[in-house]
Structures are given as C-alpha cells and as structure tokens.
C-alpha cells in the first residue's frame, strides 16, 4: 500500500496523519503475514525503539474502528491485523497458525446470491468473510 494512499485514507476518516499510524500500517504491509500486535511492535521498534506498547495498541484500535485495518481472529483467539481492505477471505493453517489471503470471485458471487435469495430474518448483512481452516500440504514461504 502506497504511503500517499494511506495518508489520503486517514484524512478521509478525519484522522491525523501521524508517524505512528503510518509506521503501524507500513509494518503490517511489510511483514505481510497478518501480524499480531506484538509482531508489529517488534518491527516498529527496530526503527523507533522508544515507542510505547500502549501507543501501538491504541493506534491499532483507532485504525480498526475507522475501518483502515481489519482484525483477523484465529482458533487460538490470537488477534492478527490485515491492511488489505478489499473483499477477500483467509486460509488458516491449524498446524502453523499461518494465514494466507484467498480471493475467489465465483465464491463471492455464490455467497452473495445465496443470501440475496434466502436472507436472514431480522438481520442486515454488511460483510461476509470466510476463514477456511485446514492444513497446507506444502510450505510455500
């Protein structure tokens, strides 16, 4: 994600463009593995050793609440962060806790069409994200 695009998204949400917010989003993009808050802090501290843990957690909360980041939960209740806001799903490896992005327009259309036909009484769907749990059969990273 380009820095200028990030700055524009922050401004569109009425948020200040701060070095901390930029460094958090940059860390998530560069780590590129749906990092935990601890992994983000470790990455940022390489360049800014004085950043407080609470500051990172607070900034993560603001970015999630303003839909500039997504939280991704795992079966082990570990929260990870995702900077990709476009519609996609996740493959979760139960052996390694690895999370990979998964895009499939045909699946998206099928799910969307299903809920358009069937719906859920007294519930308005805003977004659908699947987390597909399994095991990778070969390591690609």
N, C-alpha and C. Protein backbone atom coordinates (compact mmCIF):
# COMPACT_ATOMS: atom_id res chain seq x y z
N UNK A 1 0.86 -1.17 0.00
CA UNK A 1 0.00 0.00 0.00
C UNK A 1 0.90 1.24 0.00
N UNK A 2 0.61 2.14 -0.89
CA UNK A 2 1.41 3.35 -1.03
C UNK A 2 1.15 4.31 0.12
N UNK A 3 2.21 5.01 0.54
CA UNK A 3 2.11 5.95 1.65
C UNK A 3 1.09 7.04 1.37
N UNK A 4 1.07 7.54 0.14
CA UNK A 4 0.12 8.62 -0.19
C UNK A 4 -1.33 8.13 -0.09
N UNK A 5 -1.55 6.88 -0.48
CA UNK A 5 -2.89 6.30 -0.39
C UNK A 5 -3.31 6.17 1.08
N UNK A 6 -2.37 5.76 1.93
CA UNK A 6 -2.63 5.63 3.36
C UNK A 6 -2.95 7.00 3.95
N UNK A 7 -2.17 8.00 3.60
CA UNK A 7 -2.40 9.36 4.10
C UNK A 7 -3.79 9.84 3.70
N UNK A 8 -4.17 9.59 2.45
CA UNK A 8 -5.48 10.01 1.96
C UNK A 8 -6.59 9.31 2.73
N UNK A 9 -6.45 8.01 2.98
CA UNK A 9 -7.47 7.27 3.73
C UNK A 9 -7.61 7.79 5.16
N UNK A 10 -6.48 8.10 5.78
CA UNK A 10 -6.54 8.67 7.14
C UNK A 10 -7.29 9.99 7.13
N UNK A 11 -6.95 10.87 6.18
CA UNK A 11 -7.60 12.17 6.09
C UNK A 11 -9.10 12.03 5.80
N UNK A 12 -9.46 11.08 4.93
CA UNK A 12 -10.88 10.87 4.61
C UNK A 12 -11.68 10.46 5.84
N UNK A 13 -11.04 9.80 6.78
CA UNK A 13 -11.70 9.37 8.01
C UNK A 13 -11.64 10.44 9.09
N UNK A 14 -11.02 11.58 8.77
CA UNK A 14 -10.92 12.67 9.74
C UNK A 14 -9.84 12.44 10.78
N UNK A 15 -8.88 11.57 10.46
CA UNK A 15 -7.80 11.26 11.40
C UNK A 15 -6.54 12.02 11.00
N UNK A 16 -5.75 12.36 12.01
CA UNK A 16 -4.46 12.99 11.75
C UNK A 16 -3.51 11.96 11.14
N UNK A 17 -2.69 12.43 10.24
CA UNK A 17 -1.65 11.60 9.65
C UNK A 17 -0.44 11.72 10.57
N UNK A 18 -0.21 10.68 11.38
CA UNK A 18 0.90 10.72 12.32
C UNK A 18 1.94 9.67 11.93
N UNK A 19 3.19 9.92 12.31
CA UNK A 19 4.24 8.94 12.02
C UNK A 19 3.92 7.56 12.63
N UNK A 20 3.29 7.55 13.81
CA UNK A 20 2.96 6.27 14.44
C UNK A 20 1.95 5.49 13.62
N UNK A 21 0.90 6.15 13.18
CA UNK A 21 -0.13 5.47 12.38
C UNK A 21 0.46 4.98 11.07
N UNK A 22 1.28 5.81 10.44
CA UNK A 22 1.92 5.39 9.19
C UNK A 22 2.85 4.21 9.41
N UNK A 23 3.61 4.24 10.51
CA UNK A 23 4.56 3.15 10.77
C UNK A 23 3.84 1.84 11.08
N UNK A 24 2.67 1.92 11.73
CA UNK A 24 1.90 0.70 12.02
C UNK A 24 1.38 0.08 10.73
N UNK A 25 0.80 0.89 9.87
CA UNK A 25 0.29 0.35 8.61
C UNK A 25 1.44 -0.16 7.75
N UNK A 26 2.54 0.57 7.73
CA UNK A 26 3.72 0.12 6.98
C UNK A 26 4.23 -1.22 7.51
N UNK A 27 4.25 -1.38 8.81
CA UNK A 27 4.70 -2.64 9.42
C UNK A 27 3.82 -3.79 8.99
N UNK A 28 2.52 -3.60 9.02
CA UNK A 28 1.59 -4.67 8.64
C UNK A 28 1.79 -5.06 7.18
N UNK A 29 1.94 -4.07 6.32
CA UNK A 29 2.14 -4.33 4.90
C UNK A 29 3.48 -5.04 4.66
N UNK A 30 4.54 -4.58 5.31
CA UNK A 30 5.87 -5.16 5.08
C UNK A 30 6.02 -6.55 5.71
N UNK A 31 5.43 -6.75 6.88
CA UNK A 31 5.51 -8.07 7.50
C UNK A 31 4.74 -9.07 6.64
N UNK A 32 3.57 -8.65 6.14
CA UNK A 32 2.80 -9.38 5.13
C UNK A 32 2.37 -10.79 5.55
N UNK A 33 2.17 -11.02 6.83
CA UNK A 33 1.71 -12.35 7.27
C UNK A 33 0.57 -12.25 8.27
N UNK A 34 -0.20 -11.18 8.19
CA UNK A 34 -1.26 -10.94 9.15
C UNK A 34 -0.66 -10.95 10.56
N UNK A 35 0.17 -9.96 10.87
CA UNK A 35 0.92 -9.97 12.13
C UNK A 35 0.06 -9.71 13.36
N UNK A 36 0.56 -10.17 14.49
CA UNK A 36 -0.04 -9.86 15.78
C UNK A 36 0.45 -8.48 16.21
N UNK A 37 -0.16 -7.92 17.24
CA UNK A 37 0.28 -6.63 17.76
C UNK A 37 1.74 -6.71 18.21
N UNK A 38 2.10 -7.82 18.82
CA UNK A 38 3.48 -7.99 19.31
C UNK A 38 4.48 -7.99 18.15
N UNK A 39 4.11 -8.61 17.04
CA UNK A 39 4.99 -8.63 15.88
C UNK A 39 5.11 -7.22 15.27
N UNK A 40 4.02 -6.49 15.29
CA UNK A 40 4.04 -5.12 14.79
C UNK A 40 4.95 -4.25 15.67
N UNK A 41 4.81 -4.39 16.97
CA UNK A 41 5.64 -3.62 17.91
C UNK A 41 7.12 -3.94 17.70
N UNK A 42 7.44 -5.21 17.58
CA UNK A 42 8.83 -5.63 17.37
C UNK A 42 9.40 -5.02 16.08
N UNK A 43 8.61 -5.02 15.02
CA UNK A 43 9.04 -4.46 13.74
C UNK A 43 9.27 -2.95 13.87
N UNK A 44 8.33 -2.25 14.48
CA UNK A 44 8.44 -0.79 14.62
C UNK A 44 9.62 -0.40 15.49
N UNK A 45 9.88 -1.18 16.54
CA UNK A 45 10.97 -0.84 17.47
C UNK A 45 12.35 -0.95 16.84
N UNK A 46 12.47 -1.62 15.71
CA UNK A 46 13.76 -1.65 15.00
C UNK A 46 14.16 -0.24 14.56
N UNK A 47 13.15 0.59 14.23
CA UNK A 47 13.41 1.94 13.77
C UNK A 47 13.06 3.00 14.81
N UNK A 48 12.22 2.63 15.76
CA UNK A 48 11.76 3.57 16.77
C UNK A 48 11.69 2.84 18.12
N UNK A 49 12.84 2.63 18.76
CA UNK A 49 12.88 1.81 19.97
C UNK A 49 12.10 2.37 21.16
N UNK A 50 11.75 3.63 21.12
CA UNK A 50 11.07 4.25 22.26
C UNK A 50 9.55 4.20 22.20
N UNK A 51 8.99 3.63 21.15
CA UNK A 51 7.54 3.63 21.04
C UNK A 51 6.94 2.73 22.13
N UNK A 52 5.92 3.24 22.79
CA UNK A 52 5.29 2.51 23.89
C UNK A 52 4.31 1.47 23.35
N UNK A 53 4.26 0.35 24.03
CA UNK A 53 3.34 -0.72 23.66
C UNK A 53 1.90 -0.22 23.65
N UNK A 54 1.53 0.55 24.68
CA UNK A 54 0.16 1.07 24.77
C UNK A 54 -0.17 1.98 23.58
N UNK A 55 0.81 2.72 23.11
CA UNK A 55 0.61 3.61 21.97
C UNK A 55 0.24 2.80 20.73
N UNK A 56 0.93 1.70 20.52
CA UNK A 56 0.65 0.86 19.35
C UNK A 56 -0.74 0.25 19.46
N UNK A 57 -1.07 -0.28 20.64
CA UNK A 57 -2.39 -0.88 20.82
C UNK A 57 -3.50 0.16 20.62
N UNK A 58 -3.29 1.35 21.14
CA UNK A 58 -4.28 2.42 20.99
C UNK A 58 -4.46 2.78 19.52
N UNK A 59 -3.36 2.92 18.81
CA UNK A 59 -3.41 3.27 17.39
C UNK A 59 -4.06 2.15 16.58
N UNK A 60 -3.76 0.89 16.91
CA UNK A 60 -4.40 -0.23 16.22
C UNK A 60 -5.92 -0.17 16.40
N UNK A 61 -6.35 0.12 17.62
CA UNK A 61 -7.78 0.23 17.90
C UNK A 61 -8.44 1.32 17.07
N UNK A 62 -7.79 2.47 16.98
CA UNK A 62 -8.33 3.59 16.20
C UNK A 62 -8.41 3.20 14.72
N UNK A 63 -7.38 2.56 14.21
CA UNK A 63 -7.36 2.18 12.79
C UNK A 63 -8.41 1.12 12.47
N UNK A 64 -8.64 0.19 13.38
CA UNK A 64 -9.68 -0.82 13.18
C UNK A 64 -11.07 -0.19 13.25
N UNK A 65 -11.30 0.64 14.27
CA UNK A 65 -12.61 1.29 14.42
C UNK A 65 -12.97 2.14 13.21
N UNK A 66 -11.96 2.71 12.58
CA UNK A 66 -12.18 3.55 11.41
C UNK A 66 -12.06 2.79 10.09
N UNK A 67 -12.03 1.47 10.20
CA UNK A 67 -12.02 0.58 9.03
C UNK A 67 -10.84 0.83 8.09
N UNK A 68 -9.68 1.13 8.70
CA UNK A 68 -8.45 1.27 7.93
C UNK A 68 -7.59 0.02 8.05
N UNK A 69 -7.95 -0.83 9.00
CA UNK A 69 -7.34 -2.15 9.20
C UNK A 69 -8.47 -3.10 9.57
N UNK A 70 -8.23 -4.38 9.32
CA UNK A 70 -9.16 -5.41 9.76
C UNK A 70 -8.48 -6.30 10.80
N UNK A 71 -9.28 -6.76 11.75
CA UNK A 71 -8.81 -7.76 12.69
C UNK A 71 -9.14 -9.13 12.12
N UNK A 72 -8.22 -10.06 12.31
CA UNK A 72 -8.44 -11.44 11.89
C UNK A 72 -8.21 -12.31 13.11
N UNK A 73 -9.24 -13.01 13.54
CA UNK A 73 -9.12 -13.90 14.70
C UNK A 73 -8.70 -15.30 14.26
N UNK A 74 -8.08 -16.01 15.16
CA UNK A 74 -7.69 -17.39 14.88
C UNK A 74 -8.39 -18.31 15.87
N UNK A 75 -8.28 -19.60 15.63
CA UNK A 75 -8.89 -20.57 16.53
C UNK A 75 -8.31 -20.50 17.93
N UNK A 76 -7.11 -20.00 18.04
CA UNK A 76 -6.45 -19.90 19.35
C UNK A 76 -6.66 -18.53 19.98
N UNK A 77 -7.67 -17.80 19.49
CA UNK A 77 -8.02 -16.47 20.00
C UNK A 77 -6.87 -15.47 19.92
N UNK A 78 -6.03 -15.63 18.92
CA UNK A 78 -4.95 -14.69 18.68
C UNK A 78 -5.45 -13.69 17.64
N UNK A 79 -5.34 -12.41 17.95
CA UNK A 79 -5.78 -11.37 17.01
C UNK A 79 -4.61 -10.98 16.12
N UNK A 80 -4.89 -10.99 14.84
CA UNK A 80 -3.92 -10.55 13.85
C UNK A 80 -4.53 -9.39 13.07
N UNK A 81 -3.70 -8.68 12.33
CA UNK A 81 -4.16 -7.49 11.63
C UNK A 81 -3.90 -7.61 10.13
N UNK A 82 -4.81 -7.04 9.37
CA UNK A 82 -4.78 -7.13 7.91
C UNK A 82 -4.99 -5.74 7.33
N UNK A 83 -4.08 -5.30 6.48
CA UNK A 83 -4.18 -3.98 5.87
C UNK A 83 -4.90 -4.02 4.52
N UNK A 84 -5.23 -5.21 4.05
CA UNK A 84 -5.96 -5.32 2.78
C UNK A 84 -7.44 -5.17 3.07
N UNK A 85 -8.03 -4.12 2.54
CA UNK A 85 -9.43 -3.81 2.83
C UNK A 85 -10.38 -4.34 1.77
N UNK A 86 -9.86 -4.68 0.60
CA UNK A 86 -10.71 -5.22 -0.45
C UNK A 86 -11.24 -6.59 -0.02
N UNK A 87 -12.40 -6.95 -0.57
CA UNK A 87 -13.04 -8.20 -0.19
C UNK A 87 -12.12 -9.40 -0.47
N UNK A 88 -11.88 -10.18 0.56
CA UNK A 88 -11.12 -11.42 0.43
C UNK A 88 -11.38 -12.29 1.65
N UNK A 89 -10.96 -13.52 1.56
CA UNK A 89 -11.16 -14.48 2.64
C UNK A 89 -9.78 -14.92 3.13
N UNK A 90 -9.77 -15.82 4.11
CA UNK A 90 -8.49 -16.29 4.66
C UNK A 90 -8.44 -17.80 4.75
N UNK A 91 -7.25 -18.31 4.48
CA UNK A 91 -6.94 -19.72 4.72
C UNK A 91 -6.12 -19.76 6.00
N UNK A 92 -6.59 -20.52 6.98
CA UNK A 92 -5.92 -20.60 8.27
C UNK A 92 -5.38 -22.01 8.45
N UNK A 93 -4.08 -22.12 8.64
CA UNK A 93 -3.44 -23.42 8.85
C UNK A 93 -3.46 -23.76 10.33
N UNK A 94 -4.16 -24.82 10.67
CA UNK A 94 -4.30 -25.19 12.08
C UNK A 94 -3.00 -25.74 12.67
N UNK A 95 -2.06 -26.16 11.83
CA UNK A 95 -0.77 -26.65 12.34
C UNK A 95 0.18 -25.51 12.69
N UNK A 96 0.24 -24.50 11.82
CA UNK A 96 1.26 -23.47 11.96
C UNK A 96 0.71 -22.09 12.34
N UNK A 97 -0.61 -21.93 12.36
CA UNK A 97 -1.26 -20.63 12.59
C UNK A 97 -1.01 -19.65 11.45
N UNK A 98 -0.47 -20.11 10.34
CA UNK A 98 -0.25 -19.26 9.18
C UNK A 98 -1.60 -18.88 8.57
N UNK A 99 -1.71 -17.64 8.15
CA UNK A 99 -2.92 -17.14 7.48
C UNK A 99 -2.51 -16.62 6.11
N UNK A 100 -3.23 -17.07 5.10
CA UNK A 100 -3.00 -16.60 3.74
C UNK A 100 -4.28 -15.99 3.20
N UNK A 101 -4.15 -14.96 2.40
CA UNK A 101 -5.32 -14.36 1.75
C UNK A 101 -5.82 -15.31 0.67
N UNK A 102 -7.15 -15.30 0.48
CA UNK A 102 -7.77 -16.15 -0.53
C UNK A 102 -8.84 -15.33 -1.24
N UNK A 103 -8.69 -15.24 -2.55
CA UNK A 103 -9.66 -14.49 -3.35
C UNK A 103 -10.29 -15.45 -4.36
N UNK A 104 -11.62 -15.35 -4.49
CA UNK A 104 -12.33 -16.19 -5.44
C UNK A 104 -13.65 -15.49 -5.76
N UNK A 105 -13.72 -14.83 -6.91
CA UNK A 105 -14.91 -14.07 -7.27
C UNK A 105 -16.13 -14.98 -7.42
N UNK A 106 -15.92 -16.18 -7.92
CA UNK A 106 -17.05 -17.11 -8.08
C UNK A 106 -17.66 -17.45 -6.72
N UNK A 107 -16.80 -17.68 -5.73
CA UNK A 107 -17.27 -17.96 -4.36
C UNK A 107 -18.01 -16.74 -3.81
N UNK A 108 -17.45 -15.55 -4.01
CA UNK A 108 -18.09 -14.32 -3.54
C UNK A 108 -19.49 -14.17 -4.14
N UNK A 109 -19.59 -14.40 -5.46
CA UNK A 109 -20.89 -14.29 -6.14
C UNK A 109 -21.87 -15.33 -5.60
N UNK A 110 -21.39 -16.54 -5.39
CA UNK A 110 -22.26 -17.61 -4.91
C UNK A 110 -22.82 -17.27 -3.52
N UNK A 111 -21.97 -16.80 -2.64
CA UNK A 111 -22.41 -16.44 -1.29
C UNK A 111 -23.37 -15.26 -1.34
N UNK A 112 -23.03 -14.25 -2.11
CA UNK A 112 -23.88 -13.07 -2.23
C UNK A 112 -25.25 -13.44 -2.78
N UNK A 113 -25.27 -14.23 -3.84
CA UNK A 113 -26.54 -14.67 -4.44
C UNK A 113 -27.37 -15.49 -3.46
N UNK A 114 -26.71 -16.35 -2.71
CA UNK A 114 -27.41 -17.18 -1.73
C UNK A 114 -28.15 -16.31 -0.72
N UNK A 115 -27.45 -15.34 -0.15
CA UNK A 115 -28.08 -14.51 0.87
C UNK A 115 -29.08 -13.51 0.29
N UNK A 116 -28.92 -13.14 -0.97
CA UNK A 116 -29.95 -12.31 -1.61
C UNK A 116 -31.25 -13.09 -1.72
N UNK A 117 -31.15 -14.37 -2.06
CA UNK A 117 -32.33 -15.23 -2.18
C UNK A 117 -32.91 -15.60 -0.83
N UNK A 118 -32.06 -16.03 0.06
CA UNK A 118 -32.51 -16.60 1.33
C UNK A 118 -32.64 -15.56 2.44
N UNK A 119 -31.63 -14.73 2.58
CA UNK A 119 -31.63 -13.73 3.64
C UNK A 119 -31.60 -14.36 5.03
N UNK A 120 -31.48 -13.52 6.00
CA UNK A 120 -31.55 -13.93 7.40
C UNK A 120 -32.57 -13.01 8.05
N UNK A 121 -33.65 -13.58 8.60
CA UNK A 121 -34.69 -12.72 9.18
C UNK A 121 -34.14 -11.79 10.27
N UNK A 122 -34.58 -10.54 10.21
CA UNK A 122 -34.23 -9.53 11.22
C UNK A 122 -32.73 -9.30 11.33
N UNK A 123 -32.01 -9.44 10.22
CA UNK A 123 -30.56 -9.25 10.23
C UNK A 123 -30.14 -8.66 8.89
N UNK A 124 -29.38 -7.55 8.94
CA UNK A 124 -28.87 -6.92 7.72
C UNK A 124 -27.39 -7.26 7.59
N UNK A 125 -27.06 -7.99 6.56
CA UNK A 125 -25.67 -8.38 6.32
C UNK A 125 -24.90 -7.18 5.79
N UNK A 126 -23.76 -6.90 6.43
CA UNK A 126 -22.90 -5.80 6.00
C UNK A 126 -21.67 -6.32 5.26
N UNK A 127 -21.20 -7.49 5.65
CA UNK A 127 -19.99 -8.03 5.05
C UNK A 127 -19.93 -9.52 5.36
N UNK A 128 -19.33 -10.27 4.48
CA UNK A 128 -19.14 -11.70 4.71
C UNK A 128 -17.68 -12.01 4.44
N UNK A 129 -17.04 -12.61 5.43
CA UNK A 129 -15.65 -13.05 5.28
C UNK A 129 -15.57 -14.48 5.77
N UNK A 130 -14.97 -15.32 4.96
CA UNK A 130 -14.79 -16.71 5.37
C UNK A 130 -13.38 -16.90 5.89
N UNK A 131 -13.26 -17.74 6.89
CA UNK A 131 -11.96 -18.21 7.32
C UNK A 131 -12.00 -19.72 7.15
N UNK A 132 -11.24 -20.20 6.20
CA UNK A 132 -11.23 -21.62 5.86
C UNK A 132 -10.06 -22.25 6.60
N UNK A 133 -10.37 -23.19 7.47
CA UNK A 133 -9.35 -23.82 8.30
C UNK A 133 -8.94 -25.15 7.70
N UNK A 134 -7.65 -25.40 7.70
CA UNK A 134 -7.12 -26.65 7.18
C UNK A 134 -5.63 -26.71 7.39
N UNK A 135 -4.97 -27.47 6.56
CA UNK A 135 -3.50 -27.61 6.65
C UNK A 135 -2.92 -27.44 5.25
N UNK A 136 -1.87 -26.64 5.15
CA UNK A 136 -1.17 -26.52 3.88
C UNK A 136 -0.41 -27.82 3.64
N UNK A 137 -0.50 -28.33 2.43
CA UNK A 137 0.15 -29.60 2.13
C UNK A 137 1.61 -29.44 1.76
N UNK A 138 2.02 -28.23 1.41
CA UNK A 138 3.44 -27.96 1.22
C UNK A 138 3.71 -26.53 1.59
N UNK A 139 4.87 -26.30 2.08
CA UNK A 139 5.28 -24.97 2.55
C UNK A 139 5.69 -24.15 1.34
N UNK A 140 5.08 -22.95 1.20
CA UNK A 140 5.46 -22.09 0.08
C UNK A 140 6.09 -20.79 0.52
N UNK A 141 6.37 -20.65 1.80
CA UNK A 141 7.02 -19.42 2.27
C UNK A 141 8.15 -19.75 3.18
